[in-house]
Protein backbone atom coordinates (compact mmCIF):
# COMPACT_ATOMS: atom_id res chain seq x y z
CA UNK A 1 26.43 -8.62 3.51
CA UNK A 2 26.54 -10.15 7.00
CA UNK A 3 26.15 -13.86 7.56
CA UNK A 4 22.89 -13.28 9.45
CA UNK A 5 21.35 -11.14 6.68
CA UNK A 6 22.68 -13.39 3.86
CA UNK A 7 20.57 -16.19 5.25
CA UNK A 8 17.39 -14.20 5.32
CA UNK A 9 14.75 -13.83 2.54
CA UNK A 10 12.69 -10.69 1.69
CA UNK A 11 9.00 -11.44 1.22
CA UNK A 12 6.40 -9.04 -0.08
CA UNK A 13 3.05 -10.00 1.34
CA UNK A 14 1.05 -8.41 -1.45
CA UNK A 15 -0.22 -9.22 -4.88
CA UNK A 16 -0.16 -5.53 -5.89
CA UNK A 17 1.96 -5.04 -9.04
CA UNK A 18 2.46 -1.40 -7.98
CA UNK A 19 4.10 -2.44 -4.68
CA UNK A 20 6.28 -5.05 -6.31
CA UNK A 21 7.18 -2.50 -8.97
CA UNK A 22 8.46 -0.08 -6.38
CA UNK A 23 10.64 -2.84 -4.85
CA UNK A 24 11.89 -3.71 -8.36
CA UNK A 25 12.85 -0.06 -8.92
CA UNK A 26 15.02 -0.32 -5.76
CA UNK A 27 16.76 -3.28 -7.27
CA UNK A 28 15.82 -5.70 -4.56
CA UNK A 29 15.52 -9.46 -4.68
CA UNK A 30 12.31 -10.57 -3.03
CA UNK A 31 9.54 -13.18 -3.12
CA UNK A 32 5.84 -12.40 -3.60
CA UNK A 33 3.51 -14.25 -1.30
CA UNK A 34 0.07 -12.65 -1.01
CA UNK A 35 -1.83 -13.61 2.18
CA UNK A 36 -5.57 -14.47 2.30
CA UNK A 37 -7.21 -12.49 5.13
CA UNK A 38 -10.55 -10.86 5.84
CA UNK A 39 -10.21 -7.21 4.92
CA UNK A 40 -13.66 -6.13 6.28
CA UNK A 41 -13.78 -2.89 8.18
CA UNK A 42 -14.81 -3.32 11.76
CA UNK A 43 -17.77 -1.27 13.10
CA UNK A 44 -16.60 2.22 13.87
CA UNK A 45 -13.09 1.55 12.75
CA UNK A 46 -11.15 4.59 11.49
CA UNK A 47 -8.86 4.60 8.46
CA UNK A 48 -5.41 4.59 10.08
CA UNK A 49 -6.14 1.82 12.67
CA UNK A 50 -7.83 -0.16 9.95
CA UNK A 51 -4.91 -0.25 7.59
CA UNK A 52 -2.40 -0.89 10.34
CA UNK A 53 -4.42 -3.78 11.62
CA UNK A 54 -4.58 -5.37 8.21
CA UNK A 55 -0.86 -4.74 7.38
CA UNK A 56 0.17 -6.49 10.70
CA UNK A 57 -2.28 -9.28 10.05
CA UNK A 58 -0.99 -9.92 6.47
CA UNK A 59 2.57 -9.92 7.76
CA UNK A 60 1.91 -12.34 10.56
CA UNK A 61 0.21 -14.79 8.16
CA UNK A 62 3.38 -14.93 5.98
CA UNK A 63 5.95 -14.87 8.85
CA UNK A 64 8.51 -17.58 8.64
CA UNK A 65 11.94 -18.31 10.24
CA UNK A 66 14.67 -16.46 8.28
CA UNK A 67 12.21 -14.25 6.53
CA UNK A 68 11.78 -10.40 6.49
CA UNK A 69 8.11 -9.92 5.58
CA UNK A 70 6.89 -6.60 4.27
CA UNK A 71 3.14 -6.14 4.20
CA UNK A 72 1.06 -3.02 3.48
CA UNK A 73 -2.57 -1.92 3.19
CA UNK A 74 -4.03 1.22 1.66
CA UNK A 75 -7.36 2.96 1.95
CA UNK A 76 -8.80 6.23 0.68
CA UNK A 77 -10.46 8.26 3.44
CA UNK A 78 -13.07 10.83 2.31
CA UNK A 79 -14.29 12.72 5.34
CA UNK A 80 -14.25 9.52 7.45
CA UNK A 81 -15.74 7.28 4.77
CA UNK A 82 -13.29 4.52 3.71
CA UNK A 83 -13.26 3.94 0.01
CA UNK A 84 -12.01 0.52 -1.00
CA UNK A 85 -11.66 -1.01 -4.48
CA UNK A 86 -14.77 -0.83 -6.72
CA UNK A 87 -16.76 -3.91 -7.24
CA UNK A 88 -17.44 -3.17 -10.86
CA UNK A 89 -17.33 -0.35 -13.47
CA UNK A 90 -20.53 1.25 -12.15
CA UNK A 91 -19.10 1.37 -8.61
CA UNK A 92 -15.89 2.84 -10.03
CA UNK A 93 -17.82 5.67 -11.56
CA UNK A 94 -19.65 6.26 -8.26
CA UNK A 95 -16.33 6.44 -6.37
CA UNK A 96 -14.70 8.82 -8.87
CA UNK A 97 -17.69 11.18 -8.77
CA UNK A 98 -17.39 11.14 -4.93
CA UNK A 99 -13.73 12.15 -4.89
CA UNK A 100 -13.94 14.71 -7.79
CA UNK A 101 -13.40 18.26 -6.73
CA UNK A 102 -12.39 17.23 -3.13
CA UNK A 103 -9.36 16.62 -0.99
CA UNK A 104 -9.12 13.19 0.55
CA UNK A 105 -6.52 11.27 2.56
CA UNK A 106 -4.68 8.14 1.51
CA UNK A 107 -3.59 6.05 4.45
CA UNK A 108 -1.03 3.26 3.91
CA UNK A 109 0.22 1.06 6.76
CA UNK A 110 3.48 -0.77 6.39
CA UNK A 111 4.47 -3.64 8.63
CA UNK A 112 7.90 -5.26 8.74
CA UNK A 113 7.80 -8.65 10.48
CA UNK A 114 11.15 -10.30 10.90
CA UNK A 115 11.87 -13.80 12.25
CA UNK A 116 15.63 -13.99 12.57
CA UNK A 117 17.55 -17.23 11.83
CA UNK A 118 17.93 -17.43 15.62
CA UNK A 119 14.17 -17.30 16.10
CA UNK A 120 13.84 -13.74 17.42
CA UNK A 121 10.61 -12.02 16.35
CA UNK A 122 10.82 -8.30 15.51
CA UNK A 123 7.73 -6.34 14.37
CA UNK A 124 7.61 -2.74 13.34
CA UNK A 125 4.60 -0.92 11.83
CA UNK A 126 3.34 2.57 11.19
CA UNK A 127 1.06 4.57 8.99
CA UNK A 128 1.69 7.23 6.34
CA UNK A 129 -0.97 9.66 5.29
CA UNK A 130 -0.98 11.80 2.12
CA UNK A 131 -3.59 14.49 1.30
CA UNK A 132 -4.70 14.28 -2.36
CA UNK A 133 -6.67 17.07 -4.07
CA UNK A 134 -8.70 15.87 -7.10
CA UNK A 135 -9.75 18.36 -9.77
CA UNK A 136 -13.32 18.61 -10.99
CA UNK A 137 -13.94 15.78 -13.51
CA UNK A 138 -16.47 15.97 -16.31
CA UNK A 139 -18.75 12.95 -16.85
CA UNK A 140 -17.23 12.10 -20.25
CA UNK A 141 -13.80 11.98 -18.70
CA UNK A 142 -15.18 9.65 -15.97
CA UNK A 143 -16.56 7.34 -18.62
CA UNK A 144 -13.27 7.37 -20.44
CA UNK A 145 -11.20 6.72 -17.35
CA UNK A 146 -13.25 3.84 -16.17
CA UNK A 147 -13.00 2.40 -19.80
CA UNK A 148 -9.17 2.29 -19.41
CA UNK A 149 -9.67 -0.34 -16.67
CA UNK A 150 -7.17 1.38 -14.39
CA UNK A 151 -9.61 2.24 -11.58
CA UNK A 152 -11.00 -1.23 -11.17
CA UNK A 153 -8.33 -2.67 -8.84
CA UNK A 154 -7.46 0.46 -6.85
CA UNK A 155 -8.70 1.87 -3.57
CA UNK A 156 -10.77 4.95 -4.34
CA UNK A 157 -10.91 3.93 -8.01
CA UNK A 158 -7.97 5.89 -9.15
CA UNK A 159 -4.22 5.59 -9.61
CA UNK A 160 -1.73 8.44 -9.53
CA UNK A 161 0.89 6.62 -11.52
CA UNK A 162 -1.21 6.15 -14.64
CA UNK A 163 -3.82 8.04 -16.67
CA UNK A 164 -5.49 9.02 -13.41
CA UNK A 165 -2.67 11.39 -12.71
CA UNK A 166 -4.36 13.93 -14.95
CA UNK A 167 -7.10 14.39 -12.33
CA UNK A 168 -4.62 14.95 -9.45
CA UNK A 169 -4.45 18.72 -8.72
CA UNK A 170 -1.99 18.43 -5.85
CA UNK A 171 -0.70 16.25 -3.04
CA UNK A 172 0.81 16.89 0.42
CA UNK A 173 2.93 14.02 1.69
CA UNK A 174 4.63 10.98 0.19
CA UNK A 175 3.88 10.24 -3.48
CA UNK A 176 4.80 6.59 -3.13
CA UNK A 177 2.26 6.35 -0.36
CA UNK A 178 -0.49 7.05 -2.89
CA UNK A 179 0.91 4.27 -5.08
CA UNK A 180 0.60 1.92 -2.09
CA UNK A 181 4.01 1.61 -0.51
CA UNK A 182 5.61 4.72 1.18
CA UNK A 183 9.24 3.98 0.60
CA UNK A 184 10.48 6.49 3.17
CA UNK A 185 8.42 4.68 5.82
CA UNK A 186 9.62 1.32 4.58
CA UNK A 187 13.25 2.38 4.86
CA UNK A 188 12.65 3.55 8.49
CA UNK A 189 10.86 0.46 9.62
CA UNK A 190 13.25 -1.99 8.08
CA UNK A 191 16.13 -0.09 9.76
CA UNK A 192 14.29 -0.28 13.12
CA UNK A 193 13.92 -4.00 12.61
CA UNK A 194 17.66 -4.28 12.13
CA UNK A 195 17.38 -4.95 8.36
CA UNK A 196 19.55 -3.36 5.77
CA UNK A 197 17.44 -3.21 2.64
CA UNK A 198 20.60 -2.85 0.52
CA UNK A 199 21.64 -6.34 1.58
CA UNK A 200 18.87 -7.67 -0.70
CA UNK A 201 20.09 -5.92 -3.83
CA UNK A 202 20.37 -7.88 -7.02
């Protein structure tokens, strides 16, 4: 590890256990510092610009000297309608009915915001998109799935890494993008920012 990198910290600007779990699986040492920003969609805003704006905003809030901040934001795009997290169980059922027997797109933006120990600011961001096809879902299965609690904190009201995987008929693109952090994109952006992720290994 270089002297420059050894002095830096890796910060995940997210409270998502799925994102932190992916970094854990990579064996990285990092801090969790979720930002508090307004995540409202602007009038006429499309999915990809929306998530990139939020990821960059989250990273900027948590930026600090000597820190490499990784921020991400995910939305489910169903024919131009952005589906966020459900507000309650009834809303979760509505969202699941909407995506059943359809193909939608999951957009996740990743932003790497690095402030070097010398004070240089380096920002890299991009968006990954994965097409997800959901099978037809019977009403009793919707009731059961919402009862598991899994859909309640996820954009589009489903998760591919848990029981919701049984409804996913196919995907085109990055699987980790659907979980909320496209690792291939993260590796590219950190490299572009001059960061060796392996330097943060446990």
